[in-house]
Amino acid sequence: MTRYCLALDLKDDPQLIAEYEAHHQQVWPEILRSIKDSGICSMEIWRTGNRLFMIMETDDDFSFEEKSAADTADPKVQEWEALMWKYQQALPFAKPGEKWMRMDKIFEFPG
């Protein structure tokens, strides 16, 4: 099992943030299926202010490239992603087109 941590920002608007959180209380079944089918075993999204932090645990065969290709080919995932982009914004240092950005682990205890 591999753990990945990713970050993304929300637009700094309390109404939009509340709507985003409401969507995540009722994630579409097709989205949950696409997450599971890609090899993601567990996923959590945490928020402070407008910053999001995602923790994913995946099986050993998981591939970001394969997940991206499957998502691109899935109209329901594309619909969800378009809806989510209403609320999300790239991190200030993201390259064009980058959304969720992988974070580097810099500390662990115990190590």
PDB file of N, CA and C in Angstrom:
ATOM      1  N   MET A   1       0.846  -1.176   0.000  1.00  0.00           N
ATOM      2  CA  MET A   1       0.000   0.000   0.000  1.00  0.00           C
ATOM      3  C   MET A   1       0.891   1.238   0.000  1.00  0.00           C
ATOM      4  N   THR A   2       0.481   2.219  -0.799  1.00  0.00           N
ATOM      5  CA  THR A   2       1.224   3.472  -0.903  1.00  0.00           C
ATOM      6  C   THR A   2       0.312   4.616  -0.497  1.00  0.00           C
ATOM      7  N   ARG A   3       0.858   5.578   0.228  1.00  0.00           N
ATOM      8  CA  ARG A   3       0.100   6.763   0.637  1.00  0.00           C
ATOM      9  C   ARG A   3       0.596   7.962  -0.164  1.00  0.00           C
ATOM     10  N   TYR A   4      -0.367   8.709  -0.676  1.00  0.00           N
ATOM     11  CA  TYR A   4      -0.077   9.963  -1.375  1.00  0.00           C
ATOM     12  C   TYR A   4      -0.824  11.081  -0.668  1.00  0.00           C
ATOM     13  N   CYS A   5      -0.193  12.245  -0.605  1.00  0.00           N
ATOM     14  CA  CYS A   5      -0.842  13.436  -0.072  1.00  0.00           C
ATOM     15  C   CYS A   5      -0.820  14.492  -1.169  1.00  0.00           C
ATOM     16  N   LEU A   6      -1.964  15.142  -1.359  1.00  0.00           N
ATOM     17  CA  LEU A   6      -2.116  16.119  -2.429  1.00  0.00           C
ATOM     18  C   LEU A   6      -2.781  17.375  -1.869  1.00  0.00           C
ATOM     19  N   ALA A   7      -2.564  18.497  -2.551  1.00  0.00           N
ATOM     20  CA  ALA A   7      -3.156  19.758  -2.112  1.00  0.00           C
ATOM     21  C   ALA A   7      -3.797  20.475  -3.288  1.00  0.00           C
ATOM     22  N   LEU A   8      -4.788  21.284  -2.967  1.00  0.00           N
ATOM     23  CA  LEU A   8      -5.507  22.106  -3.939  1.00  0.00           C
ATOM     24  C   LEU A   8      -6.222  23.189  -3.149  1.00  0.00           C
ATOM     25  N   ASP A   9      -6.500  24.311  -3.781  1.00  0.00           N
ATOM     26  CA  ASP A   9      -7.242  25.380  -3.122  1.00  0.00           C
ATOM     27  C   ASP A   9      -8.670  25.437  -3.632  1.00  0.00           C
ATOM     28  N   LEU A  10      -9.526  25.977  -2.780  1.00  0.00           N
ATOM     29  CA  LEU A  10     -10.876  26.348  -3.176  1.00  0.00           C
ATOM     30  C   LEU A  10     -10.902  27.852  -3.394  1.00  0.00           C
ATOM     31  N   LYS A  11     -11.851  28.306  -4.176  1.00  0.00           N
ATOM     32  CA  LYS A  11     -12.063  29.748  -4.290  1.00  0.00           C
ATOM     33  C   LYS A  11     -12.454  30.241  -2.901  1.00  0.00           C
ATOM     34  N   ASP A  12     -11.902  31.372  -2.511  1.00  0.00           N
ATOM     35  CA  ASP A  12     -12.073  31.873  -1.147  1.00  0.00           C
ATOM     36  C   ASP A  12     -13.413  32.598  -1.016  1.00  0.00           C
ATOM     37  N   ASP A  13     -14.475  31.812  -1.036  1.00  0.00           N
ATOM     38  CA  ASP A  13     -15.836  32.328  -0.965  1.00  0.00           C
ATOM     39  C   ASP A  13     -16.632  31.380  -0.063  1.00  0.00           C
ATOM     40  N   PRO A  14     -17.097  31.854   1.087  1.00  0.00           N
ATOM     41  CA  PRO A  14     -17.769  30.959   2.041  1.00  0.00           C
ATOM     42  C   PRO A  14     -18.943  30.189   1.442  1.00  0.00           C
ATOM     43  N   GLN A  15     -19.715  30.806   0.565  1.00  0.00           N
ATOM     44  CA  GLN A  15     -20.857  30.127  -0.052  1.00  0.00           C
ATOM     45  C   GLN A  15     -20.382  28.990  -0.953  1.00  0.00           C
ATOM     46  N   LEU A  16     -19.360  29.260  -1.768  1.00  0.00           N
ATOM     47  CA  LEU A  16     -18.829  28.225  -2.653  1.00  0.00           C
ATOM     48  C   LEU A  16     -18.207  27.087  -1.852  1.00  0.00           C
ATOM     49  N   ILE A  17     -17.512  27.417  -0.779  1.00  0.00           N
ATOM     50  CA  ILE A  17     -16.912  26.382   0.066  1.00  0.00           C
ATOM     51  C   ILE A  17     -17.998  25.507   0.679  1.00  0.00           C
ATOM     52  N   ALA A  18     -19.081  26.121   1.144  1.00  0.00           N
ATOM     53  CA  ALA A  18     -20.189  25.347   1.718  1.00  0.00           C
ATOM     54  C   ALA A  18     -20.812  24.429   0.665  1.00  0.00           C
ATOM     55  N   GLU A  19     -20.972  24.918  -0.560  1.00  0.00           N
ATOM     56  CA  GLU A  19     -21.524  24.084  -1.638  1.00  0.00           C
ATOM     57  C   GLU A  19     -20.589  22.920  -1.951  1.00  0.00           C
ATOM     58  N   TYR A  20     -19.279  23.192  -1.989  1.00  0.00           N
ATOM     59  CA  TYR A  20     -18.294  22.146  -2.267  1.00  0.00           C
ATOM     60  C   TYR A  20     -18.388  21.045  -1.212  1.00  0.00           C
ATOM     61  N   GLU A  21     -18.452  21.448   0.045  1.00  0.00           N
ATOM     62  CA  GLU A  21     -18.550  20.461   1.117  1.00  0.00           C
ATOM     63  C   GLU A  21     -19.854  19.668   1.018  1.00  0.00           C
ATOM     64  N   ALA A  22     -20.938  20.327   0.647  1.00  0.00           N
ATOM     65  CA  ALA A  22     -22.220  19.630   0.504  1.00  0.00           C
ATOM     66  C   ALA A  22     -22.131  18.575  -0.597  1.00  0.00           C
ATOM     67  N   HIS A  23     -21.473  18.891  -1.702  1.00  0.00           N
ATOM     68  CA  HIS A  23     -21.295  17.901  -2.774  1.00  0.00           C
ATOM     69  C   HIS A  23     -20.535  16.682  -2.259  1.00  0.00           C
ATOM     70  N   HIS A  24     -19.603  16.903  -1.341  1.00  0.00           N
ATOM     71  CA  HIS A  24     -18.793  15.797  -0.837  1.00  0.00           C
ATOM     72  C   HIS A  24     -19.488  14.991   0.256  1.00  0.00           C
ATOM     73  N   GLN A  25     -20.684  15.403   0.634  1.00  0.00           N
ATOM     74  CA  GLN A  25     -21.510  14.585   1.518  1.00  0.00           C
ATOM     75  C   GLN A  25     -22.388  13.643   0.704  1.00  0.00           C
ATOM     76  N   GLN A  26     -22.457  13.886  -0.616  1.00  0.00           N
ATOM     77  CA  GLN A  26     -23.267  13.054  -1.510  1.00  0.00           C
ATOM     78  C   GLN A  26     -22.530  12.863  -2.835  1.00  0.00           C
ATOM     79  N   VAL A  27     -21.343  12.292  -2.763  1.00  0.00           N
ATOM     80  CA  VAL A  27     -20.549  12.060  -3.973  1.00  0.00           C
ATOM     81  C   VAL A  27     -21.289  11.058  -4.860  1.00  0.00           C
ATOM     82  N   TRP A  28     -21.324  11.354  -6.135  1.00  0.00           N
ATOM     83  CA  TRP A  28     -22.038  10.493  -7.085  1.00  0.00           C
ATOM     84  C   TRP A  28     -21.472   9.075  -7.050  1.00  0.00           C
ATOM     85  N   PRO A  29     -22.317   8.077  -7.163  1.00  0.00           N
ATOM     86  CA  PRO A  29     -21.853   6.680  -7.123  1.00  0.00           C
ATOM     87  C   PRO A  29     -20.850   6.358  -8.239  1.00  0.00           C
ATOM     88  N   GLU A  30     -21.004   6.972  -9.396  1.00  0.00           N
ATOM     89  CA  GLU A  30     -20.061   6.727 -10.505  1.00  0.00           C
ATOM     90  C   GLU A  30     -18.660   7.220 -10.148  1.00  0.00           C
ATOM     91  N   ILE A  31     -18.589   8.290  -9.365  1.00  0.00           N
ATOM     92  CA  ILE A  31     -17.290   8.832  -8.956  1.00  0.00           C
ATOM     93  C   ILE A  31     -16.656   7.900  -7.931  1.00  0.00           C
ATOM     94  N   LEU A  32     -17.445   7.439  -6.979  1.00  0.00           N
ATOM     95  CA  LEU A  32     -16.926   6.498  -5.984  1.00  0.00           C
ATOM     96  C   LEU A  32     -16.432   5.216  -6.653  1.00  0.00           C
ATOM     97  N   ARG A  33     -17.169   4.753  -7.649  1.00  0.00           N
ATOM     98  CA  ARG A  33     -16.766   3.546  -8.378  1.00  0.00           C
ATOM     99  C   ARG A  33     -15.447   3.788  -9.128  1.00  0.00           C
ATOM    100  N   SER A  34     -15.303   4.954  -9.752  1.00  0.00           N
ATOM    101  CA  SER A  34     -14.077   5.240 -10.502  1.00  0.00           C
ATOM    102  C   SER A  34     -12.869   5.323  -9.564  1.00  0.00           C
ATOM    103  N   ILE A  35     -13.091   5.826  -8.365  1.00  0.00           N
ATOM    104  CA  ILE A  35     -12.008   5.889  -7.369  1.00  0.00           C
ATOM    105  C   ILE A  35     -11.588   4.467  -7.002  1.00  0.00           C
ATOM    106  N   LYS A  36     -12.560   3.654  -6.643  1.00  0.00           N
ATOM    107  CA  LYS A  36     -12.264   2.273  -6.237  1.00  0.00           C
ATOM    108  C   LYS A  36     -11.633   1.474  -7.368  1.00  0.00           C
ATOM    109  N   ASP A  37     -12.197   1.601  -8.583  1.00  0.00           N
ATOM    110  CA  ASP A  37     -11.697   0.824  -9.724  1.00  0.00           C
ATOM    111  C   ASP A  37     -10.265   1.177 -10.107  1.00  0.00           C
ATOM    112  N   SER A  38      -9.813   2.369  -9.731  1.00  0.00           N
ATOM    113  CA  SER A  38      -8.460   2.794 -10.094  1.00  0.00           C
ATOM    114  C   SER A  38      -7.390   2.220  -9.171  1.00  0.00           C
ATOM    115  N   GLY A  39      -7.823   1.613  -8.063  1.00  0.00           N
ATOM    116  CA  GLY A  39      -6.851   1.072  -7.115  1.00  0.00           C
ATOM    117  C   GLY A  39      -6.660   1.932  -5.886  1.00  0.00           C
ATOM    118  N   ILE A  40      -7.523   2.933  -5.717  1.00  0.00           N
ATOM    119  CA  ILE A  40      -7.478   3.747  -4.506  1.00  0.00           C
ATOM    120  C   ILE A  40      -8.284   3.006  -3.441  1.00  0.00           C
ATOM    121  N   CYS A  41      -7.612   2.671  -2.344  1.00  0.00           N
ATOM    122  CA  CYS A  41      -8.238   1.895  -1.270  1.00  0.00           C
ATOM    123  C   CYS A  41      -8.950   2.797  -0.266  1.00  0.00           C
ATOM    124  N   SER A  42      -8.389   3.960  -0.017  1.00  0.00           N
ATOM    125  CA  SER A  42      -9.036   4.922   0.876  1.00  0.00           C
ATOM    126  C   SER A  42      -8.639   6.327   0.456  1.00  0.00           C
ATOM    127  N   MET A  43      -9.536   7.274   0.746  1.00  0.00           N
ATOM    128  CA  MET A  43      -9.300   8.670   0.391  1.00  0.00           C
ATOM    129  C   MET A  43      -9.984   9.545   1.430  1.00  0.00           C
ATOM    130  N   GLU A  44      -9.271  10.557   1.893  1.00  0.00           N
ATOM    131  CA  GLU A  44      -9.838  11.567   2.781  1.00  0.00           C
ATOM    132  C   GLU A  44      -9.489  12.930   2.213  1.00  0.00           C
ATOM    133  N   ILE A  45     -10.404  13.893   2.358  1.00  0.00           N
ATOM    134  CA  ILE A  45     -10.116  15.282   2.006  1.00  0.00           C
ATOM    135  C   ILE A  45     -10.356  16.112   3.258  1.00  0.00           C
ATOM    136  N   TRP A  46      -9.351  16.896   3.622  1.00  0.00           N
ATOM    137  CA  TRP A  46      -9.403  17.783   4.780  1.00  0.00           C
ATOM    138  C   TRP A  46      -9.333  19.220   4.269  1.00  0.00           C
ATOM    139  N   ARG A  47      -9.881  20.165   5.067  1.00  0.00           N
ATOM    140  CA  ARG A  47      -9.868  21.563   4.662  1.00  0.00           C
ATOM    141  C   ARG A  47      -9.492  22.453   5.830  1.00  0.00           C
ATOM    142  N   THR A  48      -8.694  23.470   5.551  1.00  0.00           N
ATOM    143  CA  THR A  48      -8.483  24.583   6.464  1.00  0.00           C
ATOM    144  C   THR A  48      -8.569  25.847   5.625  1.00  0.00           C
ATOM    145  N   GLY A  49      -9.424  26.764   6.016  1.00  0.00           N
ATOM    146  CA  GLY A  49      -9.648  27.941   5.182  1.00  0.00           C
ATOM    147  C   GLY A  49     -10.095  27.479   3.800  1.00  0.00           C
ATOM    148  N   ASN A  50      -9.370  27.920   2.790  1.00  0.00           N
ATOM    149  CA  ASN A  50      -9.709  27.468   1.437  1.00  0.00           C
ATOM    150  C   ASN A  50      -8.689  26.469   0.886  1.00  0.00           C
ATOM    151  N   ARG A  51      -7.814  25.943   1.748  1.00  0.00           N
ATOM    152  CA  ARG A  51      -6.821  24.953   1.323  1.00  0.00           C
ATOM    153  C   ARG A  51      -7.343  23.550   1.589  1.00  0.00           C
ATOM    154  N   LEU A  52      -7.253  22.691   0.567  1.00  0.00           N
ATOM    155  CA  LEU A  52      -7.645  21.289   0.680  1.00  0.00           C
ATOM    156  C   LEU A  52      -6.410  20.407   0.758  1.00  0.00           C
ATOM    157  N   PHE A  53      -6.528  19.329   1.520  1.00  0.00           N
ATOM    158  CA  PHE A  53      -5.462  18.347   1.682  1.00  0.00           C
ATOM    159  C   PHE A  53      -6.091  16.973   1.516  1.00  0.00           C
ATOM    160  N   MET A  54      -5.601  16.205   0.545  1.00  0.00           N
ATOM    161  CA  MET A  54      -6.130  14.866   0.280  1.00  0.00           C
ATOM    162  C   MET A  54      -5.102  13.818   0.688  1.00  0.00           C
ATOM    163  N   ILE A  55      -5.583  12.791   1.363  1.00  0.00           N
ATOM    164  CA  ILE A  55      -4.757  11.630   1.704  1.00  0.00           C
ATOM    165  C   ILE A  55      -5.356  10.437   0.961  1.00  0.00           C
ATOM    166  N   MET A  56      -4.534   9.795   0.143  1.00  0.00           N
ATOM    167  CA  MET A  56      -4.977   8.616  -0.604  1.00  0.00           C
ATOM    168  C   MET A  56      -4.077   7.453  -0.251  1.00  0.00           C
ATOM    169  N   GLU A  57      -4.678   6.308  -0.021  1.00  0.00           N
ATOM    170  CA  GLU A  57      -3.920   5.071   0.105  1.00  0.00           C
ATOM    171  C   GLU A  57      -4.330   4.186  -1.057  1.00  0.00           C
ATOM    172  N   THR A  58      -3.328   3.676  -1.761  1.00  0.00           N
ATOM    173  CA  THR A  58      -3.577   2.935  -2.995  1.00  0.00           C
ATOM    174  C   THR A  58      -2.952   1.548  -2.931  1.00  0.00           C
ATOM    175  N   ASP A  59      -3.453   0.672  -3.793  1.00  0.00           N
ATOM    176  CA  ASP A  59      -2.797  -0.622  -3.916  1.00  0.00           C
ATOM    177  C   ASP A  59      -1.499  -0.423  -4.708  1.00  0.00           C
ATOM    178  N   ASP A  60      -0.696  -1.463  -4.755  1.00  0.00           N
ATOM    179  CA  ASP A  60       0.632  -1.345  -5.365  1.00  0.00           C
ATOM    180  C   ASP A  60       0.595  -1.154  -6.874  1.00  0.00           C
ATOM    181  N   ASP A  61      -0.538  -1.448  -7.514  1.00  0.00           N
ATOM    182  CA  ASP A  61      -0.657  -1.306  -8.959  1.00  0.00           C
ATOM    183  C   ASP A  61      -1.199   0.051  -9.385  1.00  0.00           C
ATOM    184  N   PHE A  62      -1.514   0.940  -8.437  1.00  0.00           N
ATOM    185  CA  PHE A  62      -2.099   2.232  -8.775  1.00  0.00           C
ATOM    186  C   PHE A  62      -1.136   3.065  -9.619  1.00  0.00           C
ATOM    187  N   SER A  63      -1.717   3.783 -10.587  1.00  0.00           N
ATOM    188  CA  SER A  63      -0.945   4.675 -11.453  1.00  0.00           C
ATOM    189  C   SER A  63      -1.734   5.962 -11.673  1.00  0.00           C
ATOM    190  N   PHE A  64      -1.120   7.105 -11.396  1.00  0.00           N
ATOM    191  CA  PHE A  64      -1.772   8.386 -11.660  1.00  0.00           C
ATOM    192  C   PHE A  64      -2.073   8.531 -13.152  1.00  0.00           C
ATOM    193  N   GLU A  65      -1.168   8.043 -13.986  1.00  0.00           N
ATOM    194  CA  GLU A  65      -1.360   8.148 -15.436  1.00  0.00           C
ATOM    195  C   GLU A  65      -2.567   7.321 -15.890  1.00  0.00           C
ATOM    196  N   GLU A  66      -2.687   6.104 -15.374  1.00  0.00           N
ATOM    197  CA  GLU A  66      -3.833   5.263 -15.733  1.00  0.00           C
ATOM    198  C   GLU A  66      -5.138   5.842 -15.191  1.00  0.00           C
ATOM    199  N   LYS A  67      -5.103   6.386 -13.981  1.00  0.00           N
ATOM    200  CA  LYS A  67      -6.299   7.018 -13.406  1.00  0.00           C
ATOM    201  C   LYS A  67      -6.715   8.212 -14.267  1.00  0.00           C
ATOM    202  N   SER A  68      -5.757   9.020 -14.664  1.00  0.00           N
ATOM    203  CA  SER A  68      -6.054  10.181 -15.498  1.00  0.00           C
ATOM    204  C   SER A  68      -6.655   9.773 -16.839  1.00  0.00           C
ATOM    205  N   ALA A  69      -6.095   8.748 -17.459  1.00  0.00           N
ATOM    206  CA  ALA A  69      -6.615   8.274 -18.753  1.00  0.00           C
ATOM    207  C   ALA A  69      -8.038   7.742 -18.596  1.00  0.00           C
ATOM    208  N   ALA A  70      -8.284   6.978 -17.543  1.00  0.00           N
ATOM    209  CA  ALA A  70      -9.628   6.444 -17.311  1.00  0.00           C
ATOM    210  C   ALA A  70     -10.616   7.579 -17.047  1.00  0.00           C
ATOM    211  N   ASP A  71     -10.190   8.580 -16.275  1.00  0.00           N
ATOM    212  CA  ASP A  71     -11.065   9.714 -15.977  1.00  0.00           C
ATOM    213  C   ASP A  71     -11.391  10.512 -17.236  1.00  0.00           C
ATOM    214  N   THR A  72     -10.406  10.694 -18.093  1.00  0.00           N
ATOM    215  CA  THR A  72     -10.605  11.433 -19.339  1.00  0.00           C
ATOM    216  C   THR A  72     -11.623  10.729 -20.228  1.00  0.00           C
ATOM    217  N   ALA A  73     -11.641   9.406 -20.192  1.00  0.00           N
ATOM    218  CA  ALA A  73     -12.537   8.616 -21.039  1.00  0.00           C
ATOM    219  C   ALA A  73     -13.930   8.432 -20.431  1.00  0.00           C
ATOM    220  N   ASP A  74     -14.143   8.890 -19.210  1.00  0.00           N
ATOM    221  CA  ASP A  74     -15.405   8.670 -18.514  1.00  0.00           C
ATOM    222  C   ASP A  74     -16.221   9.967 -18.470  1.00  0.00           C
ATOM    223  N   PRO A  75     -17.320  10.045 -19.220  1.00  0.00           N
ATOM    224  CA  PRO A  75     -18.106  11.278 -19.266  1.00  0.00           C
ATOM    225  C   PRO A  75     -18.637  11.727 -17.906  1.00  0.00           C
ATOM    226  N   LYS A  76     -18.991  10.774 -17.031  1.00  0.00           N
ATOM    227  CA  LYS A  76     -19.534  11.150 -15.718  1.00  0.00           C
ATOM    228  C   LYS A  76     -18.434  11.764 -14.844  1.00  0.00           C
ATOM    229  N   VAL A  77     -17.227  11.217 -14.921  1.00  0.00           N
ATOM    230  CA  VAL A  77     -16.105  11.807 -14.178  1.00  0.00           C
ATOM    231  C   VAL A  77     -15.817  13.199 -14.726  1.00  0.00           C
ATOM    232  N   GLN A  78     -15.863  13.360 -16.029  1.00  0.00           N
ATOM    233  CA  GLN A  78     -15.626  14.682 -16.621  1.00  0.00           C
ATOM    234  C   GLN A  78     -16.690  15.679 -16.178  1.00  0.00           C
ATOM    235  N   GLU A  79     -17.932  15.223 -16.065  1.00  0.00           N
ATOM    236  CA  GLU A  79     -19.011  16.092 -15.590  1.00  0.00           C
ATOM    237  C   GLU A  79     -18.752  16.519 -14.138  1.00  0.00           C
ATOM    238  N   TRP A  80     -18.343  15.555 -13.296  1.00  0.00           N
ATOM    239  CA  TRP A  80     -18.029  15.849 -11.887  1.00  0.00           C
ATOM    240  C   TRP A  80     -16.860  16.832 -11.805  1.00  0.00           C
ATOM    241  N   GLU A  81     -15.812  16.572 -12.585  1.00  0.00           N
ATOM    242  CA  GLU A  81     -14.635  17.444 -12.539  1.00  0.00           C
ATOM    243  C   GLU A  81     -14.978  18.867 -12.974  1.00  0.00           C
ATOM    244  N   ALA A  82     -15.819  19.008 -13.990  1.00  0.00           N
ATOM    245  CA  ALA A  82     -16.239  20.340 -14.431  1.00  0.00           C
ATOM    246  C   ALA A  82     -17.030  21.045 -13.330  1.00  0.00           C
ATOM    247  N   LEU A  83     -17.913  20.305 -12.653  1.00  0.00           N
ATOM    248  CA  LEU A  83     -18.669  20.874 -11.547  1.00  0.00           C
ATOM    249  C   LEU A  83     -17.735  21.297 -10.420  1.00  0.00           C
ATOM    250  N   MET A  84     -16.768  20.447 -10.059  1.00  0.00           N
ATOM    251  CA  MET A  84     -15.856  20.757  -8.963  1.00  0.00           C
ATOM    252  C   MET A  84     -14.989  21.969  -9.278  1.00  0.00           C
ATOM    253  N   TRP A  85     -14.658  22.158 -10.551  1.00  0.00           N
ATOM    254  CA  TRP A  85     -13.796  23.284 -10.921  1.00  0.00           C
ATOM    255  C   TRP A  85     -14.496  24.614 -10.676  1.00  0.00           C
ATOM    256  N   LYS A  86     -15.824  24.603 -10.544  1.00  0.00           N
ATOM    257  CA  LYS A  86     -16.571  25.819 -10.173  1.00  0.00           C
ATOM    258  C   LYS A  86     -16.099  26.312  -8.809  1.00  0.00           C
ATOM    259  N   TYR A  87     -15.661  25.396  -7.959  1.00  0.00           N
ATOM    260  CA  TYR A  87     -15.278  25.705  -6.584  1.00  0.00           C
ATOM    261  C   TYR A  87     -13.767  25.735  -6.369  1.00  0.00           C
ATOM    262  N   GLN A  88     -13.039  25.028  -7.201  1.00  0.00           N
ATOM    263  CA  GLN A  88     -11.597  24.853  -7.000  1.00  0.00           C
ATOM    264  C   GLN A  88     -10.806  25.906  -7.765  1.00  0.00           C
ATOM    265  N   GLN A  89      -9.579  26.104  -7.297  1.00  0.00           N
ATOM    266  CA  GLN A  89      -8.619  26.915  -8.038  1.00  0.00           C
ATOM    267  C   GLN A  89      -7.235  26.318  -7.817  1.00  0.00           C
ATOM    268  N   ALA A  90      -6.409  26.448  -8.809  1.00  0.00           N
ATOM    269  CA  ALA A  90      -5.063  25.878  -8.739  1.00  0.00           C
ATOM    270  C   ALA A  90      -4.253  26.570  -7.650  1.00  0.00           C
ATOM    271  N   LEU A  91      -3.302  25.832  -7.109  1.00  0.00           N
ATOM    272  CA  LEU A  91      -2.369  26.428  -6.161  1.00  0.00           C
ATOM    273  C   LEU A  91      -1.581  27.524  -6.884  1.00  0.00           C
ATOM    274  N   PRO A  92      -1.113  28.540  -6.154  1.00  0.00           N
ATOM    275  CA  PRO A  92      -0.442  29.672  -6.803  1.00  0.00           C
ATOM    276  C   PRO A  92       0.770  29.276  -7.658  1.00  0.00           C
ATOM    277  N   PHE A  93       1.428  28.193  -7.320  1.00  0.00           N
ATOM    278  CA  PHE A  93       2.641  27.782  -8.035  1.00  0.00           C
ATOM    279  C   PHE A  93       2.388  26.647  -9.026  1.00  0.00           C
ATOM    280  N   ALA A  94       1.114  26.296  -9.248  1.00  0.00           N
ATOM    281  CA  ALA A  94       0.775  25.210 -10.171  1.00  0.00           C
ATOM    282  C   ALA A  94       1.041  25.623 -11.619  1.00  0.00           C
ATOM    283  N   LYS A  95       1.389  24.619 -12.413  1.00  0.00           N
ATOM    284  CA  LYS A  95       1.534  24.848 -13.847  1.00  0.00           C
ATOM    285  C   LYS A  95       0.139  24.866 -14.477  1.00  0.00           C
ATOM    286  N   PRO A  96      -0.011  25.451 -15.656  1.00  0.00           N
ATOM    287  CA  PRO A  96      -1.323  25.455 -16.308  1.00  0.00           C
ATOM    288  C   PRO A  96      -1.876  24.037 -16.441  1.00  0.00           C
ATOM    289  N   GLY A  97      -3.137  23.884 -16.067  1.00  0.00           N
ATOM    290  CA  GLY A  97      -3.800  22.584 -16.163  1.00  0.00           C
ATOM    291  C   GLY A  97      -3.631  21.694 -14.946  1.00  0.00           C
ATOM    292  N   GLU A  98      -2.753  22.043 -14.018  1.00  0.00           N
ATOM    293  CA  GLU A  98      -2.567  21.227 -12.814  1.00  0.00           C
ATOM    294  C   GLU A  98      -3.653  21.555 -11.796  1.00  0.00           C
ATOM    295  N   LYS A  99      -4.220  20.498 -11.216  1.00  0.00           N
ATOM    296  CA  LYS A  99      -5.196  20.676 -10.149  1.00  0.00           C
ATOM    297  C   LYS A  99      -4.578  20.149  -8.856  1.00  0.00           C
ATOM    298  N   TRP A 100      -5.001  18.962  -8.449  1.00  0.00           N
ATOM    299  CA  TRP A 100      -4.440  18.368  -7.241  1.00  0.00           C
ATOM    300  C   TRP A 100      -2.950  18.141  -7.455  1.00  0.00           C
ATOM    301  N   MET A 101      -2.133  18.662  -6.544  1.00  0.00           N
ATOM    302  CA  MET A 101      -0.682  18.528  -6.663  1.00  0.00           C
ATOM    303  C   MET A 101      -0.151  17.626  -5.559  1.00  0.00           C
ATOM    304  N   ARG A 102       0.700  16.670  -5.954  1.00  0.00           N
ATOM    305  CA  ARG A 102       1.305  15.776  -4.971  1.00  0.00           C
ATOM    306  C   ARG A 102       2.252  16.556  -4.072  1.00  0.00           C
ATOM    307  N   MET A 103       2.221  16.190  -2.808  1.00  0.00           N
ATOM    308  CA  MET A 103       3.078  16.818  -1.812  1.00  0.00           C
ATOM    309  C   MET A 103       4.239  15.875  -1.500  1.00  0.00           C
ATOM    310  N   ASP A 104       5.348  16.454  -1.068  1.00  0.00           N
ATOM    311  CA  ASP A 104       6.524  15.688  -0.674  1.00  0.00           C
ATOM    312  C   ASP A 104       6.554  15.566   0.851  1.00  0.00           C
ATOM    313  N   LYS A 105       6.778  14.341   1.328  1.00  0.00           N
ATOM    314  CA  LYS A 105       6.898  14.136   2.773  1.00  0.00           C
ATOM    315  C   LYS A 105       8.258  14.656   3.215  1.00  0.00           C
ATOM    316  N   ILE A 106       8.252  15.490   4.245  1.00  0.00           N
ATOM    317  CA  ILE A 106       9.511  16.057   4.735  1.00  0.00           C
ATOM    318  C   ILE A 106       9.814  15.667   6.182  1.00  0.00           C
ATOM    319  N   PHE A 107       8.859  14.990   6.858  1.00  0.00           N
ATOM    320  CA  PHE A 107       9.074  14.589   8.249  1.00  0.00           C
ATOM    321  C   PHE A 107       8.186  13.400   8.562  1.00  0.00           C
ATOM    322  N   GLU A 108       8.669  12.515   9.409  1.00  0.00           N
ATOM    323  CA  GLU A 108       7.883  11.391   9.878  1.00  0.00           C
ATOM    324  C   GLU A 108       8.305  11.058  11.305  1.00  0.00           C
ATOM    325  N   PHE A 109       7.342  10.814  12.174  1.00  0.00           N
ATOM    326  CA  PHE A 109       7.630  10.379  13.537  1.00  0.00           C
ATOM    327  C   PHE A 109       6.715   9.226  13.870  1.00  0.00           C
ATOM    328  N   PRO A 110       7.163   8.132  14.371  1.00  0.00           N
ATOM    329  CA  PRO A 110       8.608   7.856  14.463  1.00  0.00           C
ATOM    330  C   PRO A 110       9.180   7.608  13.078  1.00  0.00           C
ATOM    331  N   GLY A 111      10.423   7.839  12.940  1.00  0.00           N
ATOM    332  CA  GLY A 111      11.062   7.732  11.634  1.00  0.00           C
ATOM    333  C   GLY A 111      11.984   6.655  11.570  1.00  0.00           C
TER     334      GLY A 111
END
